[in-house]
Every structure is written in structure tokens, then in C-alpha cells.
Amino acid sequence: MTPGDRRPPAKVLHASDCHLGADRPNGEEEAFAGAIDLALAEDVDAVLITGDLFDHGRVRDDLLDWTAAQLDRLDQPIVLLPGNHDLAALPRFDPVRRCRSVHLIVGHDGEVVDIDGTAITVWGRAMKEHEPSFRPLVGAPARRMDRWCIVAGHGLFVGHEKSFRASPITSDDLAAV
């Protein structure tokens, strides 16, 4: 915080690439439950999950139920941004219906979420398709000075290079936010 900053302190737990339901499990469910435990222990103001909550669209129904139960352990608001692995799983998961405090970012041109009861604002772009023309951070609004502003994206950092990688994030994209 800078001198004169009047925003109240805020704590956010950020997770990404959880890959629940991976075909070759490597402790993803335990790690996710541990992240929820940490959010509870640290009494965070919000939880932000920026893509690939699930590993694929064939996630078992019992894992969808378990994931909803884990998220519902939290009283804090949860902002969920879909990643490329989530595109087929999230419609089945339907977190807004299934979980009590999830906001799912669905705006393909970007969406602003002011988290109730906090001075936290999240902006993110929902992915239509994981392809080189999808630029996760392009179009972020100007930062507000009265709130903590988080720009959320799910993609791959490629630096300054021209890339044919899907969902590229460049140094210029980062500098713009």
C-alpha cells in the first residue's frame, strides 16, 4: 500500500491448474483440499481459481459432487475463470447452481466482478476456444484506485515473441494491465 491509500487490506487465495480428475492422478484432490484448508486457516476475503479446475470433460459425477462440497466449505466468495481443460467440464459442473458462493466468469469480451463485502474487483475473459487468437488479458479495463483490482487470465506467457501457441500472454499484455 502506498501512503494515503484508503483501501482496506485484502487477502485472496489464488489457485490455477488444479486438474481435478486427471487420468494419471498425482495428488490433485489432496492439494485442492489443502488449498481450501489454507483459505479457511488464513481467513481470506476471496478465492480466485483461474482455469483448469478440472482436467477434462469426462470428470466423474462423484468428483463433481466432491468439488462442490469442497468449495462449499468456504463462506468466502469464489471467482472461477474457465480454462481450456474446463470448457467441457464446467457446463456439467454448473458451479453457480451447485455451490453457494461461486461467481463464474462467462463474458467472452471480459467481465468485471466486484466482490461483495470487500474492496476487491476481478476482471477476466472467459475462453471460448483455446487458440492463438484468444488473448486472455486483452481488453482489461482501466484500474480503479478505490479497489484492489485483479486481472485474471488463463493462458501461456510467451514474452515478446510472435507465437502460434494457444491463449498467448505477451510482455506487452502484462504491461498494459
N, C-alpha and C. Protein backbone atom coordinates (compact mmCIF):
# COMPACT_ATOMS: atom_id res chain seq x y z
N MET A 1 0.85 -1.18 0.00
CA MET A 1 0.00 0.00 0.00
C MET A 1 0.89 1.23 0.00
N THR A 2 0.43 2.24 -0.70
CA THR A 2 1.15 3.50 -0.73
C THR A 2 0.58 4.43 0.33
N PRO A 3 1.38 5.40 0.80
CA PRO A 3 0.86 6.36 1.78
C PRO A 3 -0.41 7.03 1.25
N GLY A 4 -1.40 7.14 2.09
CA GLY A 4 -2.66 7.75 1.70
C GLY A 4 -3.64 6.78 1.06
N ASP A 5 -3.22 5.56 0.84
CA ASP A 5 -4.11 4.54 0.26
C ASP A 5 -5.19 4.23 1.28
N ARG A 6 -6.43 4.36 0.89
CA ARG A 6 -7.54 4.14 1.82
C ARG A 6 -8.26 2.81 1.64
N ARG A 7 -7.74 1.98 0.75
CA ARG A 7 -8.36 0.68 0.58
C ARG A 7 -8.05 -0.19 1.79
N PRO A 8 -9.05 -0.90 2.28
CA PRO A 8 -8.77 -1.80 3.40
C PRO A 8 -7.90 -2.96 2.92
N PRO A 9 -7.10 -3.53 3.81
CA PRO A 9 -6.30 -4.70 3.42
C PRO A 9 -7.21 -5.82 2.90
N ALA A 10 -6.67 -6.64 2.04
CA ALA A 10 -7.44 -7.75 1.48
C ALA A 10 -6.52 -8.95 1.29
N LYS A 11 -7.07 -10.13 1.53
CA LYS A 11 -6.34 -11.38 1.31
C LYS A 11 -7.11 -12.22 0.31
N VAL A 12 -6.40 -12.68 -0.72
CA VAL A 12 -7.00 -13.51 -1.75
C VAL A 12 -6.16 -14.77 -1.89
N LEU A 13 -6.81 -15.92 -1.92
CA LEU A 13 -6.13 -17.16 -2.25
C LEU A 13 -6.35 -17.40 -3.73
N HIS A 14 -5.25 -17.59 -4.47
CA HIS A 14 -5.32 -17.83 -5.90
C HIS A 14 -4.86 -19.24 -6.20
N ALA A 15 -5.63 -19.94 -7.01
CA ALA A 15 -5.25 -21.28 -7.46
C ALA A 15 -5.51 -21.37 -8.96
N SER A 16 -4.74 -22.22 -9.61
CA SER A 16 -4.91 -22.44 -11.03
C SER A 16 -4.37 -23.82 -11.37
N ASP A 17 -4.85 -24.38 -12.46
CA ASP A 17 -4.35 -25.66 -12.95
C ASP A 17 -4.43 -26.76 -11.89
N CYS A 18 -5.57 -26.85 -11.25
CA CYS A 18 -5.79 -27.91 -10.25
C CYS A 18 -5.90 -29.27 -10.92
N HIS A 19 -6.46 -29.33 -12.11
CA HIS A 19 -6.58 -30.55 -12.92
C HIS A 19 -7.20 -31.72 -12.15
N LEU A 20 -8.29 -31.42 -11.44
CA LEU A 20 -9.01 -32.47 -10.72
C LEU A 20 -9.53 -33.50 -11.72
N GLY A 21 -9.42 -34.77 -11.36
CA GLY A 21 -9.89 -35.84 -12.23
C GLY A 21 -8.88 -36.25 -13.29
N ALA A 22 -7.62 -35.89 -13.09
CA ALA A 22 -6.59 -36.25 -14.07
C ALA A 22 -6.56 -37.76 -14.28
N ASP A 23 -6.33 -38.17 -15.52
CA ASP A 23 -6.27 -39.59 -15.84
C ASP A 23 -5.13 -40.29 -15.11
N ARG A 24 -4.07 -39.55 -14.85
CA ARG A 24 -2.94 -40.06 -14.05
C ARG A 24 -2.86 -39.24 -12.78
N PRO A 25 -3.63 -39.60 -11.78
CA PRO A 25 -3.68 -38.79 -10.56
C PRO A 25 -2.30 -38.64 -9.92
N ASN A 26 -2.06 -37.42 -9.44
CA ASN A 26 -0.78 -37.12 -8.80
C ASN A 26 -1.02 -36.25 -7.57
N GLY A 27 -2.06 -36.56 -6.82
CA GLY A 27 -2.34 -35.81 -5.60
C GLY A 27 -3.13 -34.54 -5.80
N GLU A 28 -3.78 -34.39 -6.96
CA GLU A 28 -4.52 -33.15 -7.24
C GLU A 28 -5.65 -32.91 -6.24
N GLU A 29 -6.41 -33.94 -5.91
CA GLU A 29 -7.54 -33.75 -4.98
C GLU A 29 -7.04 -33.36 -3.59
N GLU A 30 -5.97 -34.00 -3.12
CA GLU A 30 -5.41 -33.66 -1.81
C GLU A 30 -4.89 -32.22 -1.80
N ALA A 31 -4.23 -31.82 -2.88
CA ALA A 31 -3.72 -30.46 -2.97
C ALA A 31 -4.87 -29.45 -2.98
N PHE A 32 -5.94 -29.77 -3.71
CA PHE A 32 -7.08 -28.85 -3.76
C PHE A 32 -7.73 -28.72 -2.39
N ALA A 33 -7.94 -29.84 -1.70
CA ALA A 33 -8.50 -29.80 -0.35
C ALA A 33 -7.57 -29.01 0.57
N GLY A 34 -6.25 -29.14 0.37
CA GLY A 34 -5.30 -28.37 1.15
C GLY A 34 -5.40 -26.87 0.88
N ALA A 35 -5.66 -26.50 -0.36
CA ALA A 35 -5.85 -25.08 -0.68
C ALA A 35 -7.10 -24.53 0.01
N ILE A 36 -8.16 -25.32 0.04
CA ILE A 36 -9.38 -24.90 0.73
C ILE A 36 -9.09 -24.76 2.23
N ASP A 37 -8.35 -25.73 2.80
CA ASP A 37 -7.94 -25.64 4.21
C ASP A 37 -7.16 -24.36 4.47
N LEU A 38 -6.25 -24.02 3.57
CA LEU A 38 -5.44 -22.81 3.73
C LEU A 38 -6.31 -21.56 3.68
N ALA A 39 -7.25 -21.53 2.76
CA ALA A 39 -8.16 -20.37 2.67
C ALA A 39 -8.92 -20.20 3.97
N LEU A 40 -9.34 -21.30 4.56
CA LEU A 40 -10.06 -21.25 5.84
C LEU A 40 -9.14 -20.80 6.97
N ALA A 41 -7.95 -21.37 7.02
CA ALA A 41 -7.00 -21.04 8.10
C ALA A 41 -6.56 -19.59 8.04
N GLU A 42 -6.38 -19.07 6.84
CA GLU A 42 -5.91 -17.69 6.67
C GLU A 42 -7.05 -16.68 6.63
N ASP A 43 -8.28 -17.17 6.69
CA ASP A 43 -9.46 -16.31 6.66
C ASP A 43 -9.38 -15.29 5.53
N VAL A 44 -9.17 -15.81 4.31
CA VAL A 44 -9.05 -14.94 3.15
C VAL A 44 -10.38 -14.24 2.87
N ASP A 45 -10.31 -13.16 2.13
CA ASP A 45 -11.51 -12.41 1.75
C ASP A 45 -12.19 -12.99 0.53
N ALA A 46 -11.41 -13.68 -0.30
CA ALA A 46 -11.95 -14.25 -1.53
C ALA A 46 -11.00 -15.33 -2.04
N VAL A 47 -11.55 -16.21 -2.87
CA VAL A 47 -10.76 -17.25 -3.54
C VAL A 47 -10.93 -17.05 -5.04
N LEU A 48 -9.82 -17.10 -5.75
CA LEU A 48 -9.81 -16.92 -7.20
C LEU A 48 -9.19 -18.17 -7.83
N ILE A 49 -9.95 -18.82 -8.70
CA ILE A 49 -9.45 -20.01 -9.41
C ILE A 49 -9.44 -19.65 -10.89
N THR A 50 -8.23 -19.60 -11.47
CA THR A 50 -8.09 -19.09 -12.84
C THR A 50 -7.77 -20.19 -13.84
N GLY A 51 -8.67 -21.11 -13.97
CA GLY A 51 -8.60 -22.05 -15.07
C GLY A 51 -8.09 -23.43 -14.72
N ASP A 52 -8.61 -24.38 -15.47
CA ASP A 52 -8.28 -25.79 -15.36
C ASP A 52 -8.52 -26.34 -13.96
N LEU A 53 -9.69 -26.01 -13.41
CA LEU A 53 -10.12 -26.65 -12.18
C LEU A 53 -10.18 -28.16 -12.42
N PHE A 54 -10.70 -28.54 -13.58
CA PHE A 54 -10.80 -29.95 -13.96
C PHE A 54 -9.80 -30.27 -15.06
N ASP A 55 -9.52 -31.53 -15.23
CA ASP A 55 -8.54 -31.97 -16.23
C ASP A 55 -9.15 -32.22 -17.60
N HIS A 56 -10.44 -32.57 -17.63
CA HIS A 56 -11.09 -32.89 -18.89
C HIS A 56 -12.60 -32.93 -18.67
N GLY A 57 -13.34 -33.09 -19.74
CA GLY A 57 -14.80 -33.09 -19.67
C GLY A 57 -15.42 -34.40 -19.23
N ARG A 58 -14.61 -35.43 -19.05
CA ARG A 58 -15.14 -36.74 -18.66
C ARG A 58 -15.05 -36.97 -17.15
N VAL A 59 -14.95 -35.89 -16.39
CA VAL A 59 -14.82 -36.00 -14.94
C VAL A 59 -16.02 -36.75 -14.37
N ARG A 60 -15.74 -37.68 -13.46
CA ARG A 60 -16.80 -38.49 -12.85
C ARG A 60 -17.77 -37.61 -12.06
N ASP A 61 -19.02 -38.00 -12.02
CA ASP A 61 -20.05 -37.27 -11.27
C ASP A 61 -19.71 -37.16 -9.79
N ASP A 62 -19.16 -38.23 -9.20
CA ASP A 62 -18.82 -38.16 -7.77
C ASP A 62 -17.72 -37.14 -7.51
N LEU A 63 -16.82 -36.92 -8.48
CA LEU A 63 -15.79 -35.89 -8.31
C LEU A 63 -16.39 -34.49 -8.43
N LEU A 64 -17.38 -34.33 -9.30
CA LEU A 64 -18.08 -33.04 -9.39
C LEU A 64 -18.76 -32.74 -8.05
N ASP A 65 -19.40 -33.75 -7.47
CA ASP A 65 -20.05 -33.58 -6.15
C ASP A 65 -19.02 -33.23 -5.08
N TRP A 66 -17.89 -33.94 -5.08
CA TRP A 66 -16.83 -33.69 -4.09
C TRP A 66 -16.28 -32.28 -4.22
N THR A 67 -16.07 -31.83 -5.47
CA THR A 67 -15.55 -30.49 -5.71
C THR A 67 -16.52 -29.43 -5.19
N ALA A 68 -17.79 -29.61 -5.46
CA ALA A 68 -18.80 -28.68 -4.95
C ALA A 68 -18.78 -28.66 -3.42
N ALA A 69 -18.66 -29.81 -2.79
CA ALA A 69 -18.61 -29.88 -1.32
C ALA A 69 -17.37 -29.17 -0.80
N GLN A 70 -16.25 -29.30 -1.49
CA GLN A 70 -15.03 -28.59 -1.07
C GLN A 70 -15.23 -27.09 -1.16
N LEU A 71 -15.77 -26.61 -2.27
CA LEU A 71 -15.99 -25.17 -2.44
C LEU A 71 -17.00 -24.66 -1.42
N ASP A 72 -17.99 -25.47 -1.08
CA ASP A 72 -19.00 -25.04 -0.11
C ASP A 72 -18.50 -25.07 1.33
N ARG A 73 -17.29 -25.57 1.56
CA ARG A 73 -16.68 -25.43 2.89
C ARG A 73 -16.36 -23.96 3.18
N LEU A 74 -16.25 -23.17 2.12
CA LEU A 74 -15.89 -21.76 2.24
C LEU A 74 -17.12 -20.88 2.37
N ASP A 75 -17.04 -19.90 3.25
CA ASP A 75 -18.06 -18.86 3.29
C ASP A 75 -17.66 -17.69 2.41
N GLN A 76 -16.38 -17.63 2.06
CA GLN A 76 -15.86 -16.53 1.25
C GLN A 76 -16.33 -16.65 -0.19
N PRO A 77 -16.43 -15.51 -0.87
CA PRO A 77 -16.78 -15.54 -2.30
C PRO A 77 -15.67 -16.23 -3.10
N ILE A 78 -16.09 -16.94 -4.13
CA ILE A 78 -15.17 -17.65 -5.02
C ILE A 78 -15.44 -17.15 -6.43
N VAL A 79 -14.38 -16.72 -7.11
CA VAL A 79 -14.48 -16.32 -8.51
C VAL A 79 -13.77 -17.39 -9.32
N LEU A 80 -14.48 -17.94 -10.28
CA LEU A 80 -13.97 -19.04 -11.09
C LEU A 80 -13.91 -18.60 -12.55
N LEU A 81 -12.71 -18.67 -13.12
CA LEU A 81 -12.48 -18.35 -14.53
C LEU A 81 -12.18 -19.65 -15.26
N PRO A 82 -12.94 -19.99 -16.30
CA PRO A 82 -12.70 -21.25 -17.00
C PRO A 82 -11.36 -21.26 -17.74
N GLY A 83 -10.73 -22.42 -17.76
CA GLY A 83 -9.54 -22.65 -18.57
C GLY A 83 -9.86 -23.60 -19.70
N ASN A 84 -8.88 -23.89 -20.52
CA ASN A 84 -9.11 -24.74 -21.68
C ASN A 84 -9.55 -26.16 -21.30
N HIS A 85 -9.07 -26.67 -20.19
CA HIS A 85 -9.47 -28.02 -19.77
C HIS A 85 -10.88 -28.04 -19.18
N ASP A 86 -11.39 -26.86 -18.83
CA ASP A 86 -12.71 -26.76 -18.20
C ASP A 86 -13.86 -26.62 -19.20
N LEU A 87 -13.56 -26.36 -20.45
CA LEU A 87 -14.61 -25.99 -21.40
C LEU A 87 -15.73 -27.03 -21.49
N ALA A 88 -15.39 -28.30 -21.38
CA ALA A 88 -16.43 -29.34 -21.43
C ALA A 88 -16.93 -29.73 -20.04
N ALA A 89 -16.10 -29.54 -19.01
CA ALA A 89 -16.48 -29.98 -17.66
C ALA A 89 -17.38 -28.98 -16.95
N LEU A 90 -17.15 -27.69 -17.11
CA LEU A 90 -17.90 -26.70 -16.33
C LEU A 90 -19.41 -26.70 -16.61
N PRO A 91 -19.86 -26.90 -17.84
CA PRO A 91 -21.32 -26.98 -18.02
C PRO A 91 -21.94 -28.13 -17.20
N ARG A 92 -21.25 -29.24 -17.11
CA ARG A 92 -21.74 -30.36 -16.28
C ARG A 92 -21.64 -30.02 -14.80
N PHE A 93 -20.58 -29.33 -14.41
CA PHE A 93 -20.37 -28.99 -13.01
C PHE A 93 -21.40 -27.95 -12.55
N ASP A 94 -21.67 -26.95 -13.39
CA ASP A 94 -22.66 -25.90 -13.11
C ASP A 94 -22.45 -25.31 -11.71
N PRO A 95 -21.28 -24.69 -11.48
CA PRO A 95 -20.93 -24.25 -10.12
C PRO A 95 -21.85 -23.19 -9.54
N VAL A 96 -22.44 -22.35 -10.35
CA VAL A 96 -23.32 -21.30 -9.81
C VAL A 96 -24.56 -21.91 -9.19
N ARG A 97 -25.07 -22.97 -9.80
CA ARG A 97 -26.23 -23.66 -9.24
C ARG A 97 -25.84 -24.56 -8.07
N ARG A 98 -24.72 -25.22 -8.22
CA ARG A 98 -24.31 -26.26 -7.27
C ARG A 98 -23.67 -25.70 -6.00
N CYS A 99 -23.03 -24.56 -6.08
CA CYS A 99 -22.26 -24.01 -4.96
C CYS A 99 -22.87 -22.68 -4.52
N ARG A 100 -22.79 -22.41 -3.24
CA ARG A 100 -23.49 -21.23 -2.73
C ARG A 100 -22.78 -19.91 -2.96
N SER A 101 -21.45 -19.89 -3.15
CA SER A 101 -20.79 -18.58 -3.25
C SER A 101 -19.82 -18.49 -4.42
N VAL A 102 -20.16 -19.13 -5.55
CA VAL A 102 -19.29 -19.09 -6.73
C VAL A 102 -19.84 -18.11 -7.75
N HIS A 103 -18.95 -17.26 -8.27
CA HIS A 103 -19.26 -16.43 -9.42
C HIS A 103 -18.42 -16.97 -10.58
N LEU A 104 -19.07 -17.44 -11.62
CA LEU A 104 -18.39 -17.98 -12.80
C LEU A 104 -18.29 -16.87 -13.84
N ILE A 105 -17.07 -16.56 -14.26
CA ILE A 105 -16.87 -15.56 -15.30
C ILE A 105 -17.23 -16.21 -16.64
N VAL A 106 -18.20 -15.62 -17.33
CA VAL A 106 -18.68 -16.18 -18.60
C VAL A 106 -18.54 -15.21 -19.77
N GLY A 107 -18.19 -13.96 -19.52
CA GLY A 107 -18.09 -12.96 -20.58
C GLY A 107 -16.89 -13.18 -21.47
N HIS A 108 -17.12 -13.44 -22.74
CA HIS A 108 -16.02 -13.69 -23.67
C HIS A 108 -15.26 -12.43 -24.03
N ASP A 109 -15.86 -11.26 -23.83
CA ASP A 109 -15.17 -9.99 -24.07
C ASP A 109 -14.63 -9.41 -22.77
N GLY A 110 -14.84 -10.12 -21.68
CA GLY A 110 -14.36 -9.66 -20.38
C GLY A 110 -15.53 -9.37 -19.47
N GLU A 111 -15.28 -9.54 -18.19
CA GLU A 111 -16.33 -9.36 -17.19
C GLU A 111 -15.70 -8.85 -15.90
N VAL A 112 -16.33 -7.86 -15.31
CA VAL A 112 -15.89 -7.29 -14.04
C VAL A 112 -16.75 -7.88 -12.92
N VAL A 113 -16.08 -8.34 -11.87
CA VAL A 113 -16.77 -8.87 -10.70
C VAL A 113 -16.32 -8.04 -9.49
N ASP A 114 -17.23 -7.26 -8.93
CA ASP A 114 -16.97 -6.57 -7.67
C ASP A 114 -17.40 -7.52 -6.56
N ILE A 115 -16.46 -7.96 -5.76
CA ILE A 115 -16.76 -8.96 -4.74
C ILE A 115 -17.42 -8.27 -3.55
N ASP A 116 -18.67 -8.64 -3.31
CA ASP A 116 -19.46 -8.04 -2.24
C ASP A 116 -18.74 -8.14 -0.90
N GLY A 117 -18.84 -7.06 -0.12
CA GLY A 117 -18.28 -7.05 1.22
C GLY A 117 -16.77 -6.85 1.26
N THR A 118 -16.15 -6.62 0.11
CA THR A 118 -14.71 -6.40 0.05
C THR A 118 -14.42 -5.20 -0.84
N ALA A 119 -13.15 -4.83 -0.89
CA ALA A 119 -12.70 -3.80 -1.83
C ALA A 119 -11.94 -4.46 -2.97
N ILE A 120 -12.38 -5.66 -3.36
CA ILE A 120 -11.70 -6.44 -4.40
C ILE A 120 -12.57 -6.48 -5.65
N THR A 121 -11.93 -6.19 -6.79
CA THR A 121 -12.56 -6.31 -8.09
C THR A 121 -11.71 -7.25 -8.93
N VAL A 122 -12.37 -8.17 -9.63
CA VAL A 122 -11.67 -9.10 -10.53
C VAL A 122 -12.21 -8.88 -11.93
N TRP A 123 -11.29 -8.81 -12.91
CA TRP A 123 -11.68 -8.77 -14.32
C TRP A 123 -11.06 -9.99 -14.99
N GLY A 124 -11.84 -10.66 -15.81
CA GLY A 124 -11.31 -11.78 -16.58
C GLY A 124 -12.12 -11.99 -17.84
N ARG A 125 -11.53 -12.70 -18.79
CA ARG A 125 -12.20 -13.06 -20.05
C ARG A 125 -12.39 -14.56 -20.09
N ALA A 126 -13.64 -14.97 -20.28
CA ALA A 126 -13.92 -16.40 -20.42
C ALA A 126 -13.44 -16.88 -21.78
N MET A 127 -12.86 -18.04 -21.79
CA MET A 127 -12.31 -18.63 -23.00
C MET A 127 -13.43 -19.31 -23.80
N LYS A 128 -13.54 -18.94 -25.10
CA LYS A 128 -14.46 -19.66 -25.99
C LYS A 128 -13.77 -20.92 -26.50
N GLU A 129 -12.55 -20.71 -26.94
CA GLU A 129 -11.77 -21.80 -27.52
C GLU A 129 -10.30 -21.52 -27.26
N HIS A 130 -9.54 -22.55 -27.00
CA HIS A 130 -8.11 -22.44 -26.72
C HIS A 130 -7.38 -22.39 -28.05
N GLU A 131 -7.10 -21.17 -28.52
CA GLU A 131 -6.48 -20.98 -29.83
C GLU A 131 -5.60 -19.74 -29.80
N PRO A 132 -4.72 -19.55 -30.79
CA PRO A 132 -3.81 -18.41 -30.78
C PRO A 132 -4.50 -17.04 -30.80
N SER A 133 -5.70 -16.96 -31.35
CA SER A 133 -6.37 -15.65 -31.41
C SER A 133 -6.98 -15.24 -30.07
N PHE A 134 -7.10 -16.18 -29.12
CA PHE A 134 -7.63 -15.82 -27.80
C PHE A 134 -6.50 -15.26 -26.96
N ARG A 135 -6.63 -13.99 -26.59
CA ARG A 135 -5.63 -13.28 -25.79
C ARG A 135 -6.27 -12.98 -24.44
N PRO A 136 -5.95 -13.75 -23.41
CA PRO A 136 -6.64 -13.69 -22.13
C PRO A 136 -6.68 -12.33 -21.45
N LEU A 137 -5.64 -11.51 -21.64
CA LEU A 137 -5.57 -10.25 -20.90
C LEU A 137 -5.97 -9.02 -21.71
N VAL A 138 -6.19 -9.18 -22.99
CA VAL A 138 -6.52 -8.04 -23.84
C VAL A 138 -7.92 -7.54 -23.52
N GLY A 139 -8.03 -6.22 -23.32
CA GLY A 139 -9.33 -5.61 -23.07
C GLY A 139 -9.63 -5.32 -21.62
N ALA A 140 -8.64 -5.52 -20.76
CA ALA A 140 -8.86 -5.23 -19.33
C ALA A 140 -9.18 -3.75 -19.15
N PRO A 141 -10.13 -3.43 -18.29
CA PRO A 141 -10.48 -2.03 -18.07
C PRO A 141 -9.39 -1.31 -17.29
N ALA A 142 -9.48 0.01 -17.29
CA ALA A 142 -8.55 0.82 -16.51
C ALA A 142 -8.71 0.48 -15.03
N ARG A 143 -7.61 0.54 -14.33
CA ARG A 143 -7.62 0.21 -12.91
C ARG A 143 -8.33 1.30 -12.11
N ARG A 144 -9.15 0.85 -11.18
CA ARG A 144 -9.81 1.77 -10.27
C ARG A 144 -8.91 1.98 -9.07
N MET A 145 -8.85 3.18 -8.57
CA MET A 145 -7.96 3.47 -7.46
C MET A 145 -8.60 3.23 -6.10
N ASP A 146 -9.92 3.02 -6.08
CA ASP A 146 -10.60 2.82 -4.80
C ASP A 146 -10.76 1.35 -4.43
N ARG A 147 -10.26 0.44 -5.29
CA ARG A 147 -10.42 -1.00 -5.04
C ARG A 147 -9.14 -1.72 -5.41
N TRP A 148 -8.95 -2.91 -4.83
CA TRP A 148 -7.88 -3.80 -5.26
C TRP A 148 -8.35 -4.44 -6.55
N CYS A 149 -7.61 -4.24 -7.62
CA CYS A 149 -8.03 -4.71 -8.94
C CYS A 149 -7.14 -5.86 -9.39
N ILE A 150 -7.76 -6.97 -9.66
CA ILE A 150 -7.06 -8.18 -10.10
C ILE A 150 -7.49 -8.48 -11.53
N VAL A 151 -6.51 -8.65 -12.41
CA VAL A 151 -6.77 -9.08 -13.77
C VAL A 151 -6.45 -10.57 -13.83
N ALA A 152 -7.44 -11.37 -14.20
CA ALA A 152 -7.29 -12.82 -14.19
C ALA A 152 -7.31 -13.34 -15.62
N GLY A 153 -6.40 -14.24 -15.92
CA GLY A 153 -6.37 -14.84 -17.24
C GLY A 153 -5.83 -16.25 -17.17
N HIS A 154 -6.20 -17.05 -18.15
CA HIS A 154 -5.68 -18.41 -18.25
C HIS A 154 -5.05 -18.55 -19.63
N GLY A 155 -3.74 -18.67 -19.65
CA GLY A 155 -3.04 -18.78 -20.92
C GLY A 155 -1.59 -19.12 -20.69
N LEU A 156 -0.75 -18.82 -21.68
CA LEU A 156 0.66 -19.15 -21.65
C LEU A 156 1.47 -17.89 -21.90
N PHE A 157 2.40 -17.60 -21.00
CA PHE A 157 3.29 -16.46 -21.20
C PHE A 157 4.28 -16.79 -22.30
N VAL A 158 4.33 -15.93 -23.33
CA VAL A 158 5.22 -16.16 -24.46
C VAL A 158 6.24 -15.04 -24.63
N GLY A 159 6.26 -14.06 -23.74
CA GLY A 159 7.22 -12.96 -23.85
C GLY A 159 6.88 -12.03 -24.98
N HIS A 160 7.90 -11.59 -25.72
CA HIS A 160 7.70 -10.64 -26.82
C HIS A 160 7.55 -11.33 -28.16
N GLU A 161 7.81 -12.60 -28.19
CA GLU A 161 7.84 -13.32 -29.46
C GLU A 161 6.46 -13.46 -30.09
N LYS A 162 6.46 -13.54 -31.40
CA LYS A 162 5.24 -13.94 -32.10
C LYS A 162 5.07 -15.42 -31.81
N SER A 163 3.85 -15.81 -31.54
CA SER A 163 3.65 -17.20 -31.14
C SER A 163 2.42 -17.77 -31.80
N PHE A 164 2.49 -19.04 -32.09
CA PHE A 164 1.34 -19.76 -32.59
C PHE A 164 0.73 -20.60 -31.48
N ARG A 165 1.19 -20.36 -30.24
CA ARG A 165 0.65 -21.06 -29.08
C ARG A 165 -0.76 -20.55 -28.80
N ALA A 166 -1.57 -21.41 -28.26
CA ALA A 166 -2.94 -21.03 -27.91
C ALA A 166 -2.93 -20.17 -26.66
N SER A 167 -3.83 -19.20 -26.60
CA SER A 167 -4.04 -18.32 -25.45
C SER A 167 -2.75 -17.65 -24.98
N PRO A 168 -2.05 -16.96 -25.90
CA PRO A 168 -0.78 -16.35 -25.51
C PRO A 168 -0.96 -15.10 -24.65
N ILE A 169 -0.02 -14.94 -23.73
CA ILE A 169 0.08 -13.72 -22.91
C ILE A 169 1.47 -13.16 -23.17
N THR A 170 1.53 -11.94 -23.69
CA THR A 170 2.82 -11.32 -24.02
C THR A 170 3.25 -10.33 -22.93
N SER A 171 4.51 -9.93 -23.02
CA SER A 171 5.01 -8.90 -22.10
C SER A 171 4.21 -7.62 -22.26
N ASP A 172 3.85 -7.29 -23.50
CA ASP A 172 3.04 -6.08 -23.73
C ASP A 172 1.66 -6.20 -23.09
N ASP A 173 1.06 -7.41 -23.14
CA ASP A 173 -0.23 -7.62 -22.48
C ASP A 173 -0.11 -7.35 -20.97
N LEU A 174 0.96 -7.85 -20.37
CA LEU A 174 1.16 -7.64 -18.93
C LEU A 174 1.41 -6.17 -18.62
N ALA A 175 2.21 -5.51 -19.46
CA ALA A 175 2.49 -4.09 -19.22
C ALA A 175 1.24 -3.25 -19.32
N ALA A 176 0.32 -3.65 -20.17
CA ALA A 176 -0.93 -2.88 -20.35
C ALA A 176 -1.84 -2.94 -19.12
N VAL A 177 -1.68 -3.96 -18.30
CA VAL A 177 -2.52 -4.06 -17.11
C VAL A 177 -1.75 -3.64 -15.88
